Amino acid sequence: MDAIYTAAATATHGRDGRAVSSDGTLDLALGIPVEMGGSGQGTNPEQLFAAGYAACFGSALGVVGRAAKVDVSDAAVTAEVGIGKQGEGFALAVTLRVELPDGLDEETGRKLVEQAHQVCPYSNATRGNIPVDLVIE
């Protein structure tokens, strides 16, 4: 793969530190979620992953929608990223909830969502590594 764009960010102090992108547009405090024994002050890696995946999947849906001449510009994607123990370490699981525009028939909507799942770089990166459930709402 020849990269068109490369993002870079540096995190200090792990989950309870700070994350800053190389261009400075992202600069935020990180915090451990209350559910994992932290204060919950600041964002966490799962939220960042969820935001990135939701945005990327929405863009992929737009690409396949335009190719099929179907307007999906009003679609919304919510990514739920769960983290839990797996063996000695931790693992992730993702649910993508796709709210399609009113008036789009179920069959066409499902086909577009499945095509987006083949196109989205996040989907391609996670495929075979973590479970990803697609839910059409």
N, C-alpha and C. Protein backbone atom coordinates (compact mmCIF):
# COMPACT_ATOMS: atom_id res chain seq x y z
N MET A 1 0.84 -1.18 0.00
CA MET A 1 0.00 0.00 0.00
C MET A 1 0.88 1.24 0.00
N ASP A 2 0.56 2.17 -0.87
CA ASP A 2 1.20 3.48 -0.86
C ASP A 2 0.29 4.43 -0.11
N ALA A 3 0.73 4.92 1.03
CA ALA A 3 -0.09 5.80 1.86
C ALA A 3 -0.36 7.13 1.16
N ILE A 4 -1.60 7.54 1.15
CA ILE A 4 -2.01 8.86 0.65
C ILE A 4 -1.81 9.89 1.75
N TYR A 5 -2.03 9.46 2.98
CA TYR A 5 -1.93 10.32 4.15
C TYR A 5 -1.50 9.47 5.32
N THR A 6 -0.69 10.02 6.19
CA THR A 6 -0.28 9.33 7.40
C THR A 6 -0.53 10.22 8.59
N ALA A 7 -1.32 9.74 9.53
CA ALA A 7 -1.58 10.46 10.78
C ALA A 7 -0.58 9.99 11.81
N ALA A 8 -0.19 10.90 12.69
CA ALA A 8 0.72 10.54 13.78
C ALA A 8 0.24 11.23 15.05
N ALA A 9 0.26 10.49 16.13
CA ALA A 9 -0.10 11.04 17.44
C ALA A 9 0.79 10.38 18.48
N THR A 10 1.07 11.13 19.53
CA THR A 10 1.89 10.64 20.62
C THR A 10 1.07 10.66 21.90
N ALA A 11 1.11 9.54 22.61
CA ALA A 11 0.44 9.45 23.91
C ALA A 11 1.51 9.30 24.98
N THR A 12 1.33 10.04 26.07
CA THR A 12 2.23 9.93 27.20
C THR A 12 1.45 9.45 28.42
N HIS A 13 2.07 8.67 29.24
CA HIS A 13 1.47 8.16 30.49
C HIS A 13 0.29 7.23 30.23
N GLY A 14 0.29 6.54 29.11
CA GLY A 14 -0.72 5.53 28.83
C GLY A 14 -2.14 6.06 28.88
N ARG A 15 -3.03 5.26 29.48
CA ARG A 15 -4.45 5.59 29.52
C ARG A 15 -4.78 6.77 30.42
N ASP A 16 -3.83 7.21 31.22
CA ASP A 16 -4.10 8.29 32.18
C ASP A 16 -3.17 9.47 31.90
N GLY A 17 -3.02 9.79 30.61
CA GLY A 17 -2.09 10.84 30.23
C GLY A 17 -2.68 11.83 29.26
N ARG A 18 -2.00 11.99 28.15
CA ARG A 18 -2.40 12.97 27.15
C ARG A 18 -2.08 12.39 25.77
N ALA A 19 -2.90 12.74 24.79
CA ALA A 19 -2.66 12.36 23.39
C ALA A 19 -2.64 13.63 22.55
N VAL A 20 -1.61 13.73 21.70
CA VAL A 20 -1.45 14.91 20.88
C VAL A 20 -1.07 14.46 19.47
N SER A 21 -1.77 15.00 18.47
CA SER A 21 -1.42 14.70 17.08
C SER A 21 -0.20 15.51 16.68
N SER A 22 0.50 15.05 15.65
CA SER A 22 1.72 15.71 15.21
C SER A 22 1.47 17.13 14.73
N ASP A 23 0.27 17.41 14.24
CA ASP A 23 -0.04 18.78 13.78
C ASP A 23 -0.72 19.61 14.86
N GLY A 24 -0.96 19.03 16.03
CA GLY A 24 -1.54 19.76 17.15
C GLY A 24 -3.04 19.94 17.13
N THR A 25 -3.72 19.47 16.08
CA THR A 25 -5.17 19.67 16.03
C THR A 25 -5.90 18.79 17.04
N LEU A 26 -5.28 17.69 17.42
CA LEU A 26 -5.84 16.83 18.46
C LEU A 26 -4.92 16.95 19.67
N ASP A 27 -5.48 17.36 20.79
CA ASP A 27 -4.70 17.51 22.01
C ASP A 27 -5.68 17.33 23.15
N LEU A 28 -5.66 16.14 23.73
CA LEU A 28 -6.66 15.88 24.76
C LEU A 28 -6.14 15.03 25.90
N ALA A 29 -6.81 15.23 27.03
CA ALA A 29 -6.48 14.46 28.23
C ALA A 29 -7.08 13.06 28.09
N LEU A 30 -6.32 12.08 28.53
CA LEU A 30 -6.79 10.70 28.55
C LEU A 30 -7.12 10.34 29.99
N GLY A 31 -8.11 9.48 30.14
CA GLY A 31 -8.48 9.04 31.47
C GLY A 31 -9.00 7.61 31.44
N ILE A 32 -8.76 6.92 32.51
CA ILE A 32 -9.24 5.54 32.64
C ILE A 32 -10.71 5.57 33.00
N PRO A 33 -11.56 4.80 32.30
CA PRO A 33 -12.99 4.78 32.61
C PRO A 33 -13.24 4.30 34.05
N VAL A 34 -14.30 4.79 34.64
CA VAL A 34 -14.69 4.38 35.98
C VAL A 34 -14.83 2.86 36.06
N GLU A 35 -15.39 2.26 35.00
CA GLU A 35 -15.60 0.81 34.96
C GLU A 35 -14.30 0.02 35.03
N MET A 36 -13.19 0.69 34.72
CA MET A 36 -11.89 0.03 34.76
C MET A 36 -11.05 0.52 35.94
N GLY A 37 -11.72 1.19 36.89
CA GLY A 37 -11.04 1.62 38.10
C GLY A 37 -10.46 3.01 38.07
N GLY A 38 -10.77 3.77 37.04
CA GLY A 38 -10.24 5.13 36.92
C GLY A 38 -11.24 6.18 37.35
N SER A 39 -10.85 7.42 37.15
CA SER A 39 -11.70 8.56 37.52
C SER A 39 -12.75 8.87 36.46
N GLY A 40 -12.51 8.42 35.23
CA GLY A 40 -13.42 8.74 34.13
C GLY A 40 -13.21 10.14 33.59
N GLN A 41 -12.20 10.84 34.09
CA GLN A 41 -11.90 12.20 33.63
C GLN A 41 -11.01 12.11 32.40
N GLY A 42 -11.49 12.55 31.29
CA GLY A 42 -10.74 12.48 30.04
C GLY A 42 -11.30 11.38 29.16
N THR A 43 -10.91 11.42 27.90
CA THR A 43 -11.36 10.40 26.97
C THR A 43 -10.47 9.17 27.09
N ASN A 44 -10.86 8.09 26.45
CA ASN A 44 -10.08 6.86 26.52
C ASN A 44 -9.89 6.29 25.12
N PRO A 45 -8.96 5.35 24.97
CA PRO A 45 -8.67 4.81 23.64
C PRO A 45 -9.88 4.18 22.96
N GLU A 46 -10.79 3.58 23.72
CA GLU A 46 -11.97 2.96 23.10
C GLU A 46 -12.88 4.02 22.50
N GLN A 47 -13.02 5.17 23.16
CA GLN A 47 -13.82 6.25 22.60
C GLN A 47 -13.19 6.80 21.33
N LEU A 48 -11.87 6.93 21.33
CA LEU A 48 -11.18 7.41 20.14
C LEU A 48 -11.33 6.44 18.98
N PHE A 49 -11.20 5.15 19.27
CA PHE A 49 -11.37 4.13 18.25
C PHE A 49 -12.80 4.15 17.72
N ALA A 50 -13.78 4.27 18.63
CA ALA A 50 -15.19 4.31 18.23
C ALA A 50 -15.46 5.51 17.32
N ALA A 51 -14.95 6.67 17.67
CA ALA A 51 -15.17 7.86 16.85
C ALA A 51 -14.55 7.70 15.47
N GLY A 52 -13.32 7.19 15.42
CA GLY A 52 -12.65 6.99 14.14
C GLY A 52 -13.37 5.98 13.27
N TYR A 53 -13.78 4.86 13.89
CA TYR A 53 -14.45 3.80 13.13
C TYR A 53 -15.80 4.31 12.62
N ALA A 54 -16.56 5.00 13.46
CA ALA A 54 -17.88 5.51 13.04
C ALA A 54 -17.74 6.48 11.87
N ALA A 55 -16.78 7.40 11.96
CA ALA A 55 -16.58 8.38 10.89
C ALA A 55 -16.13 7.70 9.60
N CYS A 56 -15.18 6.78 9.72
CA CYS A 56 -14.65 6.10 8.55
C CYS A 56 -15.73 5.24 7.88
N PHE A 57 -16.51 4.52 8.70
CA PHE A 57 -17.55 3.67 8.14
C PHE A 57 -18.62 4.53 7.45
N GLY A 58 -18.94 5.67 8.05
CA GLY A 58 -19.91 6.58 7.41
C GLY A 58 -19.41 7.05 6.06
N SER A 59 -18.13 7.35 5.96
CA SER A 59 -17.56 7.76 4.67
C SER A 59 -17.59 6.62 3.66
N ALA A 60 -17.27 5.40 4.12
CA ALA A 60 -17.32 4.23 3.22
C ALA A 60 -18.75 4.00 2.73
N LEU A 61 -19.73 4.20 3.61
CA LEU A 61 -21.13 4.05 3.21
C LEU A 61 -21.48 5.09 2.14
N GLY A 62 -20.96 6.29 2.30
CA GLY A 62 -21.19 7.33 1.28
C GLY A 62 -20.58 6.96 -0.06
N VAL A 63 -19.40 6.37 -0.05
CA VAL A 63 -18.73 5.95 -1.29
C VAL A 63 -19.57 4.90 -2.01
N VAL A 64 -20.00 3.86 -1.29
CA VAL A 64 -20.77 2.80 -1.96
C VAL A 64 -22.17 3.30 -2.32
N GLY A 65 -22.71 4.21 -1.53
CA GLY A 65 -24.01 4.79 -1.87
C GLY A 65 -23.95 5.59 -3.16
N ARG A 66 -22.93 6.42 -3.28
CA ARG A 66 -22.78 7.21 -4.51
C ARG A 66 -22.59 6.31 -5.73
N ALA A 67 -21.80 5.25 -5.56
CA ALA A 67 -21.57 4.32 -6.67
C ALA A 67 -22.87 3.64 -7.10
N ALA A 68 -23.76 3.40 -6.13
CA ALA A 68 -25.04 2.75 -6.42
C ALA A 68 -26.13 3.77 -6.75
N LYS A 69 -25.76 5.06 -6.74
CA LYS A 69 -26.71 6.15 -6.99
C LYS A 69 -27.85 6.15 -5.96
N VAL A 70 -27.47 5.91 -4.69
CA VAL A 70 -28.42 5.92 -3.58
C VAL A 70 -27.93 6.96 -2.59
N ASP A 71 -28.82 7.89 -2.23
CA ASP A 71 -28.46 8.96 -1.30
C ASP A 71 -28.50 8.44 0.15
N VAL A 72 -27.32 8.33 0.74
CA VAL A 72 -27.23 7.90 2.14
C VAL A 72 -26.60 9.01 2.99
N SER A 73 -26.69 10.25 2.50
CA SER A 73 -26.05 11.37 3.19
C SER A 73 -26.63 11.62 4.58
N ASP A 74 -27.85 11.18 4.83
CA ASP A 74 -28.46 11.37 6.15
C ASP A 74 -28.24 10.17 7.07
N ALA A 75 -27.43 9.22 6.67
CA ALA A 75 -27.15 8.06 7.51
C ALA A 75 -26.31 8.50 8.72
N ALA A 76 -26.44 7.77 9.81
CA ALA A 76 -25.63 8.00 11.01
C ALA A 76 -25.06 6.67 11.46
N VAL A 77 -23.80 6.68 11.86
CA VAL A 77 -23.14 5.46 12.31
C VAL A 77 -22.68 5.65 13.75
N THR A 78 -23.06 4.73 14.60
CA THR A 78 -22.59 4.71 15.98
C THR A 78 -21.74 3.46 16.16
N ALA A 79 -20.52 3.65 16.59
CA ALA A 79 -19.64 2.51 16.87
C ALA A 79 -19.55 2.33 18.37
N GLU A 80 -19.84 1.13 18.82
CA GLU A 80 -19.70 0.78 20.23
C GLU A 80 -18.49 -0.14 20.34
N VAL A 81 -17.49 0.29 21.08
CA VAL A 81 -16.25 -0.48 21.24
C VAL A 81 -16.17 -0.96 22.68
N GLY A 82 -16.23 -2.26 22.85
CA GLY A 82 -16.12 -2.85 24.18
C GLY A 82 -14.73 -3.41 24.40
N ILE A 83 -14.28 -3.36 25.64
CA ILE A 83 -13.00 -3.95 26.02
C ILE A 83 -13.24 -4.87 27.19
N GLY A 84 -12.58 -6.01 27.17
CA GLY A 84 -12.72 -6.97 28.26
C GLY A 84 -11.54 -7.90 28.32
N LYS A 85 -11.47 -8.63 29.41
CA LYS A 85 -10.38 -9.60 29.59
C LYS A 85 -10.52 -10.74 28.60
N GLN A 86 -9.38 -11.18 28.10
CA GLN A 86 -9.33 -12.35 27.24
C GLN A 86 -8.01 -13.05 27.55
N GLY A 87 -8.11 -14.18 28.20
CA GLY A 87 -6.91 -14.88 28.62
C GLY A 87 -6.11 -14.02 29.58
N GLU A 88 -4.84 -13.86 29.29
CA GLU A 88 -3.97 -13.04 30.15
C GLU A 88 -4.05 -11.55 29.81
N GLY A 89 -4.65 -11.25 28.67
CA GLY A 89 -4.69 -9.85 28.23
C GLY A 89 -6.09 -9.32 28.09
N PHE A 90 -6.25 -8.43 27.15
CA PHE A 90 -7.54 -7.79 26.89
C PHE A 90 -7.88 -7.92 25.41
N ALA A 91 -9.15 -7.79 25.09
CA ALA A 91 -9.61 -7.85 23.71
C ALA A 91 -10.71 -6.82 23.49
N LEU A 92 -10.94 -6.51 22.24
CA LEU A 92 -11.98 -5.57 21.85
C LEU A 92 -13.09 -6.28 21.08
N ALA A 93 -14.27 -5.70 21.11
CA ALA A 93 -15.39 -6.13 20.28
C ALA A 93 -16.11 -4.86 19.83
N VAL A 94 -16.64 -4.88 18.62
CA VAL A 94 -17.29 -3.69 18.06
C VAL A 94 -18.69 -4.03 17.57
N THR A 95 -19.62 -3.12 17.84
CA THR A 95 -20.93 -3.15 17.21
C THR A 95 -21.07 -1.84 16.45
N LEU A 96 -21.37 -1.95 15.15
CA LEU A 96 -21.64 -0.77 14.33
C LEU A 96 -23.15 -0.67 14.14
N ARG A 97 -23.74 0.39 14.66
CA ARG A 97 -25.18 0.64 14.51
C ARG A 97 -25.35 1.70 13.42
N VAL A 98 -25.97 1.28 12.32
CA VAL A 98 -26.12 2.16 11.16
C VAL A 98 -27.59 2.55 11.04
N GLU A 99 -27.84 3.83 11.19
CA GLU A 99 -29.19 4.37 11.02
C GLU A 99 -29.28 4.92 9.60
N LEU A 100 -30.05 4.23 8.78
CA LEU A 100 -30.17 4.61 7.37
C LEU A 100 -31.27 5.65 7.18
N PRO A 101 -31.20 6.40 6.09
CA PRO A 101 -32.22 7.42 5.83
C PRO A 101 -33.62 6.80 5.68
N ASP A 102 -34.62 7.54 6.13
CA ASP A 102 -36.01 7.11 5.94
C ASP A 102 -36.26 6.93 4.45
N GLY A 103 -37.05 5.93 4.13
CA GLY A 103 -37.42 5.68 2.75
C GLY A 103 -36.49 4.73 2.01
N LEU A 104 -35.35 4.42 2.59
CA LEU A 104 -34.45 3.47 1.95
C LEU A 104 -34.90 2.06 2.31
N ASP A 105 -35.17 1.24 1.30
CA ASP A 105 -35.69 -0.10 1.59
C ASP A 105 -34.63 -0.95 2.29
N GLU A 106 -35.11 -1.90 3.09
CA GLU A 106 -34.24 -2.70 3.94
C GLU A 106 -33.19 -3.48 3.16
N GLU A 107 -33.59 -4.08 2.06
CA GLU A 107 -32.66 -4.90 1.28
C GLU A 107 -31.52 -4.06 0.70
N THR A 108 -31.86 -2.90 0.12
CA THR A 108 -30.84 -2.01 -0.43
C THR A 108 -29.93 -1.51 0.68
N GLY A 109 -30.52 -1.12 1.80
CA GLY A 109 -29.74 -0.63 2.93
C GLY A 109 -28.76 -1.67 3.44
N ARG A 110 -29.22 -2.90 3.62
CA ARG A 110 -28.34 -3.97 4.10
C ARG A 110 -27.20 -4.21 3.11
N LYS A 111 -27.53 -4.22 1.82
CA LYS A 111 -26.50 -4.44 0.79
C LYS A 111 -25.44 -3.34 0.85
N LEU A 112 -25.85 -2.10 0.99
CA LEU A 112 -24.91 -0.98 1.06
C LEU A 112 -24.04 -1.06 2.32
N VAL A 113 -24.64 -1.42 3.44
CA VAL A 113 -23.88 -1.55 4.70
C VAL A 113 -22.85 -2.66 4.57
N GLU A 114 -23.23 -3.77 3.98
CA GLU A 114 -22.29 -4.88 3.80
C GLU A 114 -21.17 -4.50 2.84
N GLN A 115 -21.49 -3.74 1.80
CA GLN A 115 -20.45 -3.27 0.87
C GLN A 115 -19.52 -2.29 1.57
N ALA A 116 -20.07 -1.41 2.39
CA ALA A 116 -19.25 -0.45 3.14
C ALA A 116 -18.29 -1.19 4.07
N HIS A 117 -18.75 -2.30 4.62
CA HIS A 117 -17.92 -3.09 5.52
C HIS A 117 -16.73 -3.71 4.77
N GLN A 118 -16.86 -3.90 3.47
CA GLN A 118 -15.76 -4.41 2.65
C GLN A 118 -14.79 -3.30 2.24
N VAL A 119 -15.28 -2.07 2.19
CA VAL A 119 -14.49 -0.93 1.72
C VAL A 119 -13.78 -0.21 2.87
N CYS A 120 -14.40 -0.11 4.02
CA CYS A 120 -13.90 0.69 5.14
C CYS A 120 -12.53 0.18 5.63
N PRO A 121 -11.53 1.05 5.71
CA PRO A 121 -10.22 0.63 6.20
C PRO A 121 -10.24 0.08 7.63
N TYR A 122 -11.09 0.62 8.49
CA TYR A 122 -11.20 0.09 9.85
C TYR A 122 -11.75 -1.32 9.82
N SER A 123 -12.75 -1.56 8.99
CA SER A 123 -13.31 -2.90 8.87
C SER A 123 -12.26 -3.87 8.35
N ASN A 124 -11.49 -3.41 7.37
CA ASN A 124 -10.45 -4.27 6.82
C ASN A 124 -9.36 -4.55 7.85
N ALA A 125 -9.04 -3.58 8.69
CA ALA A 125 -8.01 -3.77 9.71
C ALA A 125 -8.47 -4.70 10.82
N THR A 126 -9.76 -4.66 11.14
CA THR A 126 -10.26 -5.47 12.25
C THR A 126 -10.69 -6.87 11.81
N ARG A 127 -10.99 -7.04 10.54
CA ARG A 127 -11.51 -8.33 10.04
C ARG A 127 -10.58 -9.47 10.43
N GLY A 128 -11.15 -10.46 11.10
CA GLY A 128 -10.39 -11.63 11.52
C GLY A 128 -9.63 -11.41 12.82
N ASN A 129 -9.64 -10.19 13.33
CA ASN A 129 -8.92 -9.87 14.56
C ASN A 129 -9.85 -9.64 15.75
N ILE A 130 -10.95 -8.94 15.50
CA ILE A 130 -11.93 -8.70 16.55
C ILE A 130 -13.33 -8.85 15.95
N PRO A 131 -14.30 -9.27 16.76
CA PRO A 131 -15.66 -9.38 16.22
C PRO A 131 -16.27 -8.00 15.96
N VAL A 132 -16.91 -7.88 14.80
CA VAL A 132 -17.62 -6.66 14.43
C VAL A 132 -19.03 -7.06 14.02
N ASP A 133 -20.01 -6.59 14.77
CA ASP A 133 -21.42 -6.86 14.45
C ASP A 133 -22.01 -5.63 13.74
N LEU A 134 -22.72 -5.87 12.65
CA LEU A 134 -23.41 -4.81 11.92
C LEU A 134 -24.88 -4.85 12.31
N VAL A 135 -25.39 -3.72 12.77
CA VAL A 135 -26.80 -3.61 13.15
C VAL A 135 -27.39 -2.45 12.35
N ILE A 136 -28.44 -2.73 11.60
CA ILE A 136 -29.11 -1.69 10.81
C ILE A 136 -30.36 -1.27 11.54
N GLU A 137 -30.44 0.03 11.78
CA GLU A 137 -31.58 0.57 12.55
C GLU A 137 -32.41 1.50 11.71
